[in-house]
């Protein structure tokens, strides 16, 4: 909403300033305009139009978001890490008991017990960190797509506003072109008269 308000307010101010300035010019140079300068009141619709377009762009990007699917991805990852951690802890207990009962040698048994214990304790934090990074990456991609859509929309809206301003001042533009042609014709006539004299 704030984004729409900024563009609408600045476009309205710019349009009104241009149209007010040009509206005063005919009084200075005479009433020879072809048509009339358009009022800036049409800029009131800009915020609403832009807001609708932004809402559609965001909805379009977020339409692929499936809350249930996202939740299942996270829960599946957590479940797999718990299973892996549990298996490593079972292996820790098994190798520890086998070492204590002299079923396996003390050094390899102790090493295996320590390795399985480290794996059992480290797998859940590692898996959680990876799940968080994946989740953040998905939302970052969505954010980038929405940002590009906003940039594209604002660029198109600014071009549309620019065209609207140019259309609003087209009578003055035609007046300036007409006066320019008249001046060129007078200069040409003066040059011809100076050449003949």
N, C-alpha and C. Protein backbone atom coordinates (compact mmCIF):
# COMPACT_ATOMS: atom_id res chain seq x y z
N UNK A 1 0.83 -1.19 0.00
CA UNK A 1 0.00 0.00 0.00
C UNK A 1 0.87 1.25 0.00
N UNK A 2 1.92 1.25 0.82
CA UNK A 2 2.81 2.40 0.89
C UNK A 2 3.49 2.65 -0.45
N UNK A 3 3.89 1.56 -1.10
CA UNK A 3 4.52 1.65 -2.42
C UNK A 3 3.58 2.33 -3.41
N UNK A 4 2.33 1.92 -3.41
CA UNK A 4 1.33 2.50 -4.32
C UNK A 4 1.11 3.97 -4.01
N UNK A 5 1.04 4.30 -2.72
CA UNK A 5 0.83 5.69 -2.32
C UNK A 5 1.97 6.59 -2.77
N UNK A 6 3.19 6.08 -2.66
CA UNK A 6 4.36 6.89 -3.06
C UNK A 6 4.30 7.20 -4.56
N UNK A 7 4.06 6.18 -5.37
CA UNK A 7 4.02 6.40 -6.82
C UNK A 7 2.83 7.28 -7.20
N UNK A 8 1.68 7.02 -6.61
CA UNK A 8 0.49 7.82 -6.94
C UNK A 8 0.66 9.27 -6.53
N UNK A 9 1.19 9.49 -5.34
CA UNK A 9 1.37 10.85 -4.85
C UNK A 9 2.38 11.62 -5.69
N UNK A 10 3.50 10.96 -6.01
CA UNK A 10 4.52 11.67 -6.80
C UNK A 10 4.02 11.91 -8.23
N UNK A 11 3.29 10.95 -8.80
CA UNK A 11 2.79 11.16 -10.16
C UNK A 11 1.73 12.27 -10.18
N UNK A 12 0.88 12.27 -9.16
CA UNK A 12 -0.14 13.32 -9.09
C UNK A 12 0.51 14.69 -8.95
N UNK A 13 1.50 14.79 -8.08
CA UNK A 13 2.19 16.07 -7.87
C UNK A 13 2.89 16.52 -9.15
N UNK A 14 3.57 15.58 -9.80
CA UNK A 14 4.27 15.93 -11.04
C UNK A 14 3.28 16.36 -12.12
N UNK A 15 2.23 15.59 -12.28
CA UNK A 15 1.23 15.92 -13.30
C UNK A 15 0.56 17.26 -13.03
N UNK A 16 0.21 17.49 -11.77
CA UNK A 16 -0.44 18.76 -11.44
C UNK A 16 0.50 19.93 -11.65
N UNK A 17 1.77 19.76 -11.29
CA UNK A 17 2.72 20.85 -11.46
C UNK A 17 2.89 21.19 -12.94
N UNK A 18 3.03 20.17 -13.77
CA UNK A 18 3.20 20.41 -15.21
C UNK A 18 1.94 21.05 -15.79
N UNK A 19 0.79 20.51 -15.44
CA UNK A 19 -0.46 21.01 -16.01
C UNK A 19 -0.78 22.42 -15.49
N UNK A 20 -0.49 22.70 -14.23
CA UNK A 20 -0.71 24.05 -13.71
C UNK A 20 0.20 25.06 -14.39
N UNK A 21 1.45 24.66 -14.58
CA UNK A 21 2.40 25.57 -15.26
C UNK A 21 1.93 25.84 -16.69
N UNK A 22 1.60 24.77 -17.39
CA UNK A 22 1.17 24.95 -18.78
C UNK A 22 -0.19 25.61 -18.87
N UNK A 23 -1.01 25.43 -17.86
CA UNK A 23 -2.31 26.10 -17.85
C UNK A 23 -2.17 27.61 -17.76
N UNK A 24 -1.09 28.09 -17.15
CA UNK A 24 -0.85 29.53 -17.02
C UNK A 24 -0.20 30.11 -18.27
N UNK A 25 0.50 29.28 -19.04
CA UNK A 25 1.24 29.78 -20.20
C UNK A 25 0.35 30.42 -21.26
N UNK A 26 -0.82 29.88 -21.61
CA UNK A 26 -1.62 30.52 -22.65
C UNK A 26 -1.98 31.96 -22.31
N UNK A 27 -2.18 32.25 -21.04
CA UNK A 27 -2.52 33.62 -20.64
C UNK A 27 -1.35 34.55 -20.92
N UNK A 28 -0.14 34.03 -20.86
CA UNK A 28 1.03 34.86 -21.10
C UNK A 28 1.23 35.11 -22.59
N UNK A 29 1.04 34.07 -23.41
CA UNK A 29 1.36 34.18 -24.83
C UNK A 29 0.13 34.33 -25.73
N UNK A 30 -1.05 34.29 -25.19
CA UNK A 30 -2.26 34.39 -26.00
C UNK A 30 -2.98 33.04 -26.04
N UNK A 31 -4.21 33.03 -26.43
CA UNK A 31 -5.04 31.82 -26.41
C UNK A 31 -4.99 31.13 -27.77
N UNK A 32 -3.87 30.62 -28.18
CA UNK A 32 -3.74 29.94 -29.47
C UNK A 32 -3.56 28.43 -29.32
N UNK A 33 -3.96 27.87 -28.18
CA UNK A 33 -3.82 26.43 -28.00
C UNK A 33 -4.80 25.70 -28.88
N UNK A 34 -4.34 24.53 -29.36
CA UNK A 34 -5.21 23.66 -30.15
C UNK A 34 -5.73 22.59 -29.21
N UNK A 35 -6.92 22.75 -28.66
CA UNK A 35 -7.44 21.84 -27.65
C UNK A 35 -7.24 22.46 -26.27
N UNK A 36 -7.45 21.67 -25.22
CA UNK A 36 -7.26 22.20 -23.87
C UNK A 36 -6.36 21.26 -23.07
N UNK A 37 -5.64 21.86 -22.13
CA UNK A 37 -4.74 21.08 -21.28
C UNK A 37 -5.60 20.24 -20.33
N UNK A 38 -5.29 18.94 -20.24
CA UNK A 38 -6.07 18.02 -19.42
C UNK A 38 -5.77 18.23 -17.94
N UNK A 39 -6.79 18.19 -17.12
CA UNK A 39 -6.61 18.31 -15.67
C UNK A 39 -5.94 17.05 -15.13
N UNK A 40 -5.31 17.20 -13.98
CA UNK A 40 -4.55 16.09 -13.39
C UNK A 40 -5.41 15.17 -12.53
N UNK A 41 -6.72 15.33 -12.54
CA UNK A 41 -7.58 14.57 -11.64
C UNK A 41 -7.54 13.07 -11.92
N UNK A 42 -7.15 12.65 -13.12
CA UNK A 42 -7.12 11.22 -13.46
C UNK A 42 -6.05 10.48 -12.66
N UNK A 43 -5.14 11.18 -12.02
CA UNK A 43 -4.09 10.52 -11.26
C UNK A 43 -4.62 9.92 -9.95
N UNK A 44 -5.83 10.26 -9.57
CA UNK A 44 -6.41 9.71 -8.35
C UNK A 44 -6.61 8.19 -8.47
N UNK A 45 -6.82 7.73 -9.68
CA UNK A 45 -7.04 6.30 -9.92
C UNK A 45 -5.73 5.50 -9.87
N UNK A 46 -4.60 6.17 -9.97
CA UNK A 46 -3.30 5.50 -10.07
C UNK A 46 -3.04 4.57 -8.90
N UNK A 47 -3.26 5.03 -7.68
CA UNK A 47 -2.98 4.21 -6.51
C UNK A 47 -3.83 2.95 -6.51
N UNK A 48 -5.09 3.08 -6.80
CA UNK A 48 -5.98 1.92 -6.80
C UNK A 48 -5.58 0.93 -7.90
N UNK A 49 -5.29 1.44 -9.10
CA UNK A 49 -4.87 0.55 -10.20
C UNK A 49 -3.58 -0.18 -9.85
N UNK A 50 -2.62 0.57 -9.34
CA UNK A 50 -1.32 -0.02 -9.00
C UNK A 50 -1.48 -1.03 -7.87
N UNK A 51 -2.30 -0.72 -6.90
CA UNK A 51 -2.55 -1.64 -5.80
C UNK A 51 -3.15 -2.94 -6.30
N UNK A 52 -4.09 -2.85 -7.22
CA UNK A 52 -4.70 -4.06 -7.79
C UNK A 52 -3.67 -4.88 -8.56
N UNK A 53 -2.83 -4.20 -9.33
CA UNK A 53 -1.81 -4.91 -10.11
C UNK A 53 -0.79 -5.59 -9.20
N UNK A 54 -0.40 -4.91 -8.13
CA UNK A 54 0.56 -5.50 -7.19
C UNK A 54 -0.06 -6.71 -6.49
N UNK A 55 -1.31 -6.57 -6.10
CA UNK A 55 -2.00 -7.69 -5.45
C UNK A 55 -2.05 -8.91 -6.37
N UNK A 56 -2.33 -8.68 -7.64
CA UNK A 56 -2.36 -9.79 -8.60
C UNK A 56 -0.99 -10.41 -8.76
N UNK A 57 0.05 -9.58 -8.83
CA UNK A 57 1.41 -10.11 -9.00
C UNK A 57 1.84 -10.94 -7.79
N UNK A 58 1.54 -10.45 -6.59
CA UNK A 58 1.90 -11.19 -5.37
C UNK A 58 1.08 -12.47 -5.29
N UNK A 59 -0.21 -12.38 -5.57
CA UNK A 59 -1.06 -13.58 -5.56
C UNK A 59 -0.56 -14.60 -6.57
N UNK A 60 -0.15 -14.14 -7.72
CA UNK A 60 0.35 -15.05 -8.76
C UNK A 60 1.59 -15.79 -8.27
N UNK A 61 2.49 -15.08 -7.61
CA UNK A 61 3.71 -15.72 -7.12
C UNK A 61 3.41 -16.65 -5.95
N UNK A 62 2.53 -16.25 -5.08
CA UNK A 62 2.24 -17.06 -3.90
C UNK A 62 1.21 -18.15 -4.17
N UNK A 63 0.65 -18.18 -5.37
CA UNK A 63 -0.33 -19.22 -5.68
C UNK A 63 0.30 -20.61 -5.68
N UNK A 64 1.61 -20.65 -5.92
CA UNK A 64 2.30 -21.94 -5.91
C UNK A 64 2.64 -22.40 -4.48
N UNK A 65 2.43 -21.51 -3.52
CA UNK A 65 2.74 -21.87 -2.14
C UNK A 65 1.66 -22.80 -1.60
N UNK A 66 2.11 -23.95 -1.11
CA UNK A 66 1.21 -24.95 -0.54
C UNK A 66 1.66 -25.17 0.90
N UNK A 67 0.90 -24.65 1.83
CA UNK A 67 1.25 -24.71 3.25
C UNK A 67 1.44 -26.16 3.71
N UNK A 68 0.54 -27.03 3.28
CA UNK A 68 0.62 -28.44 3.68
C UNK A 68 1.88 -29.09 3.13
N UNK A 69 2.21 -28.79 1.89
CA UNK A 69 3.42 -29.35 1.28
C UNK A 69 4.68 -28.86 2.01
N UNK A 70 4.71 -27.56 2.32
CA UNK A 70 5.86 -27.00 3.04
C UNK A 70 6.00 -27.67 4.41
N UNK A 71 4.90 -27.83 5.09
CA UNK A 71 4.91 -28.47 6.41
C UNK A 71 5.41 -29.92 6.31
N UNK A 72 4.93 -30.63 5.29
CA UNK A 72 5.36 -32.02 5.10
C UNK A 72 6.86 -32.12 4.81
N UNK A 73 7.39 -31.18 4.06
CA UNK A 73 8.83 -31.18 3.78
C UNK A 73 9.61 -31.03 5.08
N UNK A 74 9.19 -30.10 5.93
CA UNK A 74 9.88 -29.87 7.20
C UNK A 74 9.73 -31.08 8.12
N UNK A 75 8.52 -31.60 8.25
CA UNK A 75 8.30 -32.76 9.13
C UNK A 75 9.03 -34.00 8.63
N UNK A 76 9.07 -34.21 7.34
CA UNK A 76 9.78 -35.36 6.78
C UNK A 76 11.28 -35.25 7.10
N UNK A 77 11.82 -34.06 6.96
CA UNK A 77 13.23 -33.85 7.27
C UNK A 77 13.50 -34.11 8.75
N UNK A 78 12.61 -33.59 9.60
CA UNK A 78 12.78 -33.80 11.05
C UNK A 78 12.65 -35.28 11.40
N UNK A 79 11.68 -35.95 10.80
CA UNK A 79 11.48 -37.37 11.07
C UNK A 79 12.70 -38.18 10.65
N UNK A 80 13.24 -37.89 9.46
CA UNK A 80 14.42 -38.62 8.98
C UNK A 80 15.62 -38.39 9.88
N UNK A 81 15.80 -37.14 10.35
CA UNK A 81 16.94 -36.88 11.23
C UNK A 81 16.76 -37.57 12.59
N UNK A 82 15.53 -37.65 13.08
CA UNK A 82 15.28 -38.36 14.35
C UNK A 82 15.55 -39.85 14.18
N UNK A 83 15.12 -40.42 13.05
CA UNK A 83 15.40 -41.84 12.79
C UNK A 83 16.90 -42.10 12.71
N UNK A 84 17.59 -41.23 11.99
CA UNK A 84 19.04 -41.40 11.85
C UNK A 84 19.73 -41.24 13.19
N UNK A 85 19.31 -40.25 13.96
CA UNK A 85 19.89 -40.03 15.28
C UNK A 85 19.61 -41.22 16.20
N UNK A 86 18.39 -41.71 16.14
CA UNK A 86 18.04 -42.87 16.97
C UNK A 86 18.87 -44.09 16.59
N UNK A 87 19.04 -44.31 15.31
CA UNK A 87 19.85 -45.45 14.85
C UNK A 87 21.29 -45.29 15.32
N UNK A 88 21.83 -44.09 15.23
CA UNK A 88 23.20 -43.85 15.69
C UNK A 88 23.30 -44.06 17.20
N UNK A 89 22.28 -43.64 17.94
CA UNK A 89 22.29 -43.84 19.40
C UNK A 89 22.19 -45.32 19.76
N UNK A 90 21.40 -46.07 19.01
CA UNK A 90 21.32 -47.52 19.23
C UNK A 90 22.68 -48.16 18.96
N UNK A 91 23.31 -47.73 17.87
CA UNK A 91 24.65 -48.25 17.58
C UNK A 91 25.66 -47.85 18.66
N UNK A 92 25.50 -46.65 19.23
CA UNK A 92 26.37 -46.22 20.33
C UNK A 92 26.21 -47.15 21.51
N UNK A 93 24.96 -47.42 21.87
CA UNK A 93 24.70 -48.33 23.00
C UNK A 93 25.21 -49.74 22.71
N UNK A 94 24.97 -50.21 21.48
CA UNK A 94 25.40 -51.56 21.11
C UNK A 94 26.91 -51.69 21.16
N UNK A 95 27.62 -50.72 20.57
CA UNK A 95 29.09 -50.81 20.58
C UNK A 95 29.63 -50.60 21.98
N UNK A 96 28.98 -49.75 22.78
CA UNK A 96 29.42 -49.55 24.17
C UNK A 96 29.23 -50.81 24.99
N UNK A 97 28.08 -51.45 24.82
CA UNK A 97 27.83 -52.69 25.56
C UNK A 97 28.76 -53.81 25.07
N UNK A 98 28.98 -53.88 23.77
CA UNK A 98 29.87 -54.91 23.22
C UNK A 98 31.30 -54.71 23.73
N UNK A 99 31.70 -53.47 23.87
CA UNK A 99 33.03 -53.17 24.39
C UNK A 99 33.10 -53.52 25.87
N UNK A 100 32.05 -53.16 26.62
CA UNK A 100 32.03 -53.45 28.06
C UNK A 100 32.00 -54.95 28.32
N UNK A 101 31.36 -55.70 27.47
CA UNK A 101 31.26 -57.15 27.64
C UNK A 101 32.43 -57.90 26.99
N UNK A 102 33.42 -57.17 26.51
CA UNK A 102 34.61 -57.72 25.85
C UNK A 102 34.26 -58.51 24.59
N UNK A 103 33.13 -58.16 23.94
CA UNK A 103 32.77 -58.82 22.68
C UNK A 103 33.64 -58.28 21.56
N UNK A 104 34.03 -57.02 21.68
CA UNK A 104 34.97 -56.42 20.72
C UNK A 104 36.08 -55.76 21.52
N UNK A 105 37.21 -55.55 20.84
CA UNK A 105 38.37 -54.96 21.48
C UNK A 105 38.05 -53.56 22.00
N UNK A 106 38.73 -53.15 23.05
CA UNK A 106 38.44 -51.89 23.73
C UNK A 106 38.68 -50.68 22.83
N UNK A 107 39.80 -50.62 22.12
CA UNK A 107 40.12 -49.44 21.31
C UNK A 107 39.13 -49.27 20.16
N UNK A 108 38.92 -50.27 19.30
CA UNK A 108 37.93 -50.08 18.23
C UNK A 108 36.52 -49.88 18.78
N UNK A 109 36.17 -50.55 19.86
CA UNK A 109 34.84 -50.39 20.46
C UNK A 109 34.64 -48.99 21.00
N UNK A 110 35.67 -48.47 21.67
CA UNK A 110 35.57 -47.09 22.21
C UNK A 110 35.48 -46.08 21.08
N UNK A 111 36.29 -46.29 20.03
CA UNK A 111 36.25 -45.36 18.89
C UNK A 111 34.87 -45.41 18.23
N UNK A 112 34.35 -46.63 18.02
CA UNK A 112 33.03 -46.76 17.39
C UNK A 112 31.96 -46.12 18.26
N UNK A 113 32.04 -46.34 19.58
CA UNK A 113 31.07 -45.75 20.49
C UNK A 113 31.09 -44.23 20.40
N UNK A 114 32.30 -43.65 20.40
CA UNK A 114 32.44 -42.18 20.31
C UNK A 114 31.92 -41.66 18.96
N UNK A 115 32.27 -42.34 17.88
CA UNK A 115 31.83 -41.89 16.55
C UNK A 115 30.31 -41.94 16.46
N UNK A 116 29.71 -43.04 16.88
CA UNK A 116 28.25 -43.15 16.82
C UNK A 116 27.58 -42.13 17.74
N UNK A 117 28.17 -41.84 18.88
CA UNK A 117 27.61 -40.85 19.80
C UNK A 117 27.66 -39.45 19.18
N UNK A 118 28.78 -39.13 18.54
CA UNK A 118 28.90 -37.81 17.88
C UNK A 118 27.89 -37.69 16.75
N UNK A 119 27.77 -38.75 15.96
CA UNK A 119 26.79 -38.74 14.87
C UNK A 119 25.37 -38.60 15.44
N UNK A 120 25.07 -39.35 16.47
CA UNK A 120 23.73 -39.31 17.08
C UNK A 120 23.38 -37.95 17.63
N UNK A 121 24.36 -37.29 18.24
CA UNK A 121 24.09 -35.95 18.81
C UNK A 121 24.13 -34.85 17.76
N UNK A 122 24.90 -35.04 16.68
CA UNK A 122 25.09 -33.97 15.70
C UNK A 122 24.11 -33.98 14.55
N UNK A 123 23.46 -35.10 14.31
CA UNK A 123 22.62 -35.21 13.12
C UNK A 123 21.39 -34.30 13.19
N UNK A 124 20.76 -34.16 14.35
CA UNK A 124 19.55 -33.34 14.46
C UNK A 124 19.86 -31.84 14.26
N UNK A 125 20.87 -31.28 14.95
CA UNK A 125 21.18 -29.86 14.69
C UNK A 125 21.59 -29.61 13.23
N UNK A 126 22.35 -30.54 12.67
CA UNK A 126 22.77 -30.37 11.27
C UNK A 126 21.56 -30.41 10.34
N UNK A 127 20.69 -31.37 10.55
CA UNK A 127 19.50 -31.50 9.72
C UNK A 127 18.57 -30.30 9.89
N UNK A 128 18.43 -29.82 11.10
CA UNK A 128 17.59 -28.62 11.34
C UNK A 128 18.16 -27.41 10.62
N UNK A 129 19.46 -27.23 10.70
CA UNK A 129 20.09 -26.10 10.03
C UNK A 129 19.88 -26.19 8.51
N UNK A 130 20.04 -27.38 7.96
CA UNK A 130 19.84 -27.58 6.52
C UNK A 130 18.37 -27.31 6.14
N UNK A 131 17.44 -27.75 6.95
CA UNK A 131 16.01 -27.52 6.68
C UNK A 131 15.70 -26.03 6.71
N UNK A 132 16.25 -25.33 7.68
CA UNK A 132 16.04 -23.87 7.78
C UNK A 132 16.64 -23.17 6.56
N UNK A 133 17.83 -23.56 6.16
CA UNK A 133 18.47 -22.94 4.99
C UNK A 133 17.66 -23.18 3.72
N UNK A 134 17.14 -24.40 3.56
CA UNK A 134 16.30 -24.71 2.39
C UNK A 134 15.02 -23.86 2.40
N UNK A 135 14.41 -23.76 3.57
CA UNK A 135 13.17 -22.98 3.71
C UNK A 135 13.43 -21.51 3.40
N UNK A 136 14.52 -20.97 3.95
CA UNK A 136 14.86 -19.57 3.69
C UNK A 136 15.18 -19.35 2.22
N UNK A 137 15.86 -20.31 1.59
CA UNK A 137 16.19 -20.18 0.16
C UNK A 137 14.92 -20.14 -0.69
N UNK A 138 13.94 -20.99 -0.37
CA UNK A 138 12.68 -20.97 -1.11
C UNK A 138 11.98 -19.62 -0.98
N UNK A 139 11.94 -19.08 0.24
CA UNK A 139 11.28 -17.78 0.44
C UNK A 139 12.09 -16.64 -0.16
N UNK A 140 13.41 -16.77 -0.18
CA UNK A 140 14.24 -15.74 -0.81
C UNK A 140 13.96 -15.71 -2.31
N UNK A 141 13.82 -16.88 -2.94
CA UNK A 141 13.49 -16.92 -4.36
C UNK A 141 12.12 -16.28 -4.61
N UNK A 142 11.17 -16.58 -3.75
CA UNK A 142 9.84 -15.95 -3.90
C UNK A 142 9.94 -14.44 -3.75
N UNK A 143 10.72 -14.02 -2.77
CA UNK A 143 10.90 -12.59 -2.52
C UNK A 143 11.54 -11.90 -3.73
N UNK A 144 12.54 -12.55 -4.32
CA UNK A 144 13.19 -11.97 -5.50
C UNK A 144 12.21 -11.86 -6.66
N UNK A 145 11.39 -12.89 -6.86
CA UNK A 145 10.41 -12.84 -7.94
C UNK A 145 9.39 -11.73 -7.71
N UNK A 146 8.95 -11.59 -6.47
CA UNK A 146 8.00 -10.52 -6.15
C UNK A 146 8.66 -9.16 -6.35
N UNK A 147 9.93 -9.04 -5.94
CA UNK A 147 10.67 -7.78 -6.13
C UNK A 147 10.79 -7.42 -7.60
N UNK A 148 11.09 -8.42 -8.44
CA UNK A 148 11.19 -8.16 -9.88
C UNK A 148 9.84 -7.75 -10.44
N UNK A 149 8.78 -8.39 -9.96
CA UNK A 149 7.43 -8.03 -10.41
C UNK A 149 7.10 -6.59 -10.00
N UNK A 150 7.45 -6.21 -8.77
CA UNK A 150 7.19 -4.84 -8.32
C UNK A 150 7.99 -3.83 -9.14
N UNK A 151 9.23 -4.17 -9.42
CA UNK A 151 10.07 -3.27 -10.22
C UNK A 151 9.49 -3.11 -11.62
N UNK A 152 9.06 -4.21 -12.21
CA UNK A 152 8.46 -4.16 -13.54
C UNK A 152 7.17 -3.35 -13.53
N UNK A 153 6.33 -3.59 -12.52
CA UNK A 153 5.08 -2.84 -12.42
C UNK A 153 5.31 -1.35 -12.24
N UNK A 154 6.25 -1.00 -11.36
CA UNK A 154 6.50 0.42 -11.13
C UNK A 154 7.07 1.07 -12.37
N UNK A 155 7.94 0.35 -13.09
CA UNK A 155 8.50 0.90 -14.33
C UNK A 155 7.41 1.14 -15.36
N UNK A 156 6.52 0.15 -15.54
CA UNK A 156 5.42 0.30 -16.50
C UNK A 156 4.48 1.43 -16.06
N UNK A 157 4.23 1.53 -14.76
CA UNK A 157 3.32 2.56 -14.26
C UNK A 157 3.92 3.95 -14.48
N UNK A 158 5.20 4.08 -14.26
CA UNK A 158 5.86 5.38 -14.47
C UNK A 158 5.81 5.74 -15.96
N UNK A 159 6.02 4.76 -16.84
CA UNK A 159 5.90 5.03 -18.28
C UNK A 159 4.48 5.45 -18.63
N UNK A 160 3.51 4.77 -18.04
CA UNK A 160 2.10 5.10 -18.30
C UNK A 160 1.78 6.52 -17.82
N UNK A 161 2.31 6.88 -16.66
CA UNK A 161 2.09 8.23 -16.11
C UNK A 161 2.75 9.27 -17.02
N UNK A 162 3.94 8.94 -17.49
CA UNK A 162 4.65 9.85 -18.38
C UNK A 162 3.83 10.08 -19.66
N UNK A 163 3.28 8.99 -20.21
CA UNK A 163 2.44 9.13 -21.41
C UNK A 163 1.19 9.94 -21.11
N UNK A 164 0.62 9.73 -19.92
CA UNK A 164 -0.58 10.47 -19.54
C UNK A 164 -0.28 11.96 -19.43
N UNK A 165 0.88 12.30 -18.86
CA UNK A 165 1.28 13.72 -18.75
C UNK A 165 1.49 14.30 -20.14
N UNK A 166 2.19 13.54 -21.00
CA UNK A 166 2.42 14.04 -22.36
C UNK A 166 1.10 14.22 -23.11
N UNK A 167 0.18 13.27 -22.90
CA UNK A 167 -1.14 13.41 -23.53
C UNK A 167 -1.89 14.61 -22.99
N UNK A 168 -1.73 14.87 -21.71
CA UNK A 168 -2.42 16.01 -21.09
C UNK A 168 -1.90 17.34 -21.58
N UNK A 169 -0.63 17.40 -21.94
CA UNK A 169 -0.05 18.66 -22.39
C UNK A 169 0.09 18.72 -23.91
N UNK A 170 -0.49 17.76 -24.60
CA UNK A 170 -0.36 17.74 -26.06
C UNK A 170 -0.91 19.00 -26.73
N UNK A 171 -1.97 19.64 -26.21
CA UNK A 171 -2.38 20.91 -26.84
C UNK A 171 -1.27 21.96 -26.78
N UNK A 172 -0.58 22.02 -25.67
CA UNK A 172 0.52 22.98 -25.56
C UNK A 172 1.65 22.58 -26.50
N UNK A 173 1.91 21.28 -26.62
CA UNK A 173 2.96 20.81 -27.53
C UNK A 173 2.61 21.19 -28.96
N UNK A 174 1.34 20.98 -29.34
CA UNK A 174 0.92 21.36 -30.69
C UNK A 174 1.03 22.88 -30.88
N UNK A 175 0.72 23.64 -29.83
CA UNK A 175 0.84 25.10 -29.89
C UNK A 175 2.30 25.50 -30.13
N UNK A 176 3.21 24.88 -29.39
CA UNK A 176 4.64 25.22 -29.54
C UNK A 176 5.11 24.84 -30.94
N UNK A 177 4.69 23.67 -31.42
CA UNK A 177 5.08 23.25 -32.78
C UNK A 177 4.51 24.22 -33.81
N UNK A 178 3.26 24.62 -33.63
CA UNK A 178 2.62 25.56 -34.56
C UNK A 178 3.35 26.91 -34.55
N UNK A 179 3.68 27.39 -33.38
CA UNK A 179 4.41 28.66 -33.27
C UNK A 179 5.81 28.54 -33.87
N UNK A 180 6.42 27.35 -33.67
CA UNK A 180 7.74 27.11 -34.26
C UNK A 180 7.69 27.14 -35.76
N UNK A 181 6.65 26.54 -36.34
CA UNK A 181 6.48 26.55 -37.80
C UNK A 181 6.24 27.98 -38.29
N UNK A 182 5.43 28.73 -37.54
CA UNK A 182 5.17 30.11 -37.92
C UNK A 182 6.46 30.93 -37.88
N UNK A 183 7.25 30.75 -36.84
CA UNK A 183 8.52 31.47 -36.73
C UNK A 183 9.47 31.08 -37.85
N UNK A 184 9.53 29.80 -38.17
CA UNK A 184 10.40 29.34 -39.27
C UNK A 184 9.97 29.97 -40.59
N UNK A 185 8.65 30.04 -40.80
CA UNK A 185 8.12 30.65 -42.02
C UNK A 185 8.48 32.14 -42.07
N UNK A 186 8.34 32.83 -40.93
CA UNK A 186 8.69 34.25 -40.89
C UNK A 186 10.18 34.48 -41.10
N UNK A 187 11.00 33.63 -40.52
CA UNK A 187 12.45 33.75 -40.71
C UNK A 187 12.81 33.53 -42.18
N UNK A 188 12.16 32.54 -42.80
CA UNK A 188 12.42 32.27 -44.21
C UNK A 188 12.02 33.47 -45.06
N UNK A 189 10.85 34.07 -44.77
CA UNK A 189 10.40 35.25 -45.52
C UNK A 189 11.36 36.42 -45.32
N UNK A 190 11.84 36.60 -44.08
CA UNK A 190 12.80 37.68 -43.80
C UNK A 190 14.10 37.46 -44.57
N UNK A 191 14.55 36.24 -44.60
CA UNK A 191 15.78 35.92 -45.34
C UNK A 191 15.61 36.20 -46.84
N UNK A 192 14.43 35.84 -47.38
CA UNK A 192 14.16 36.09 -48.78
C UNK A 192 14.12 37.59 -49.08
N UNK A 193 13.49 38.36 -48.17
CA UNK A 193 13.43 39.81 -48.35
C UNK A 193 14.81 40.45 -48.21
N UNK A 194 15.59 39.94 -47.29
CA UNK A 194 16.95 40.47 -47.12
C UNK A 194 17.80 40.12 -48.31
N UNK A 195 17.58 38.99 -48.93
CA UNK A 195 18.36 38.56 -50.09
C UNK A 195 17.98 39.42 -51.30
N UNK A 196 16.68 39.78 -51.43
CA UNK A 196 16.22 40.59 -52.54
C UNK A 196 16.65 42.05 -52.38
N UNK A 197 16.85 42.51 -51.20
CA UNK A 197 17.17 43.92 -50.99
C UNK A 197 18.61 44.16 -51.18
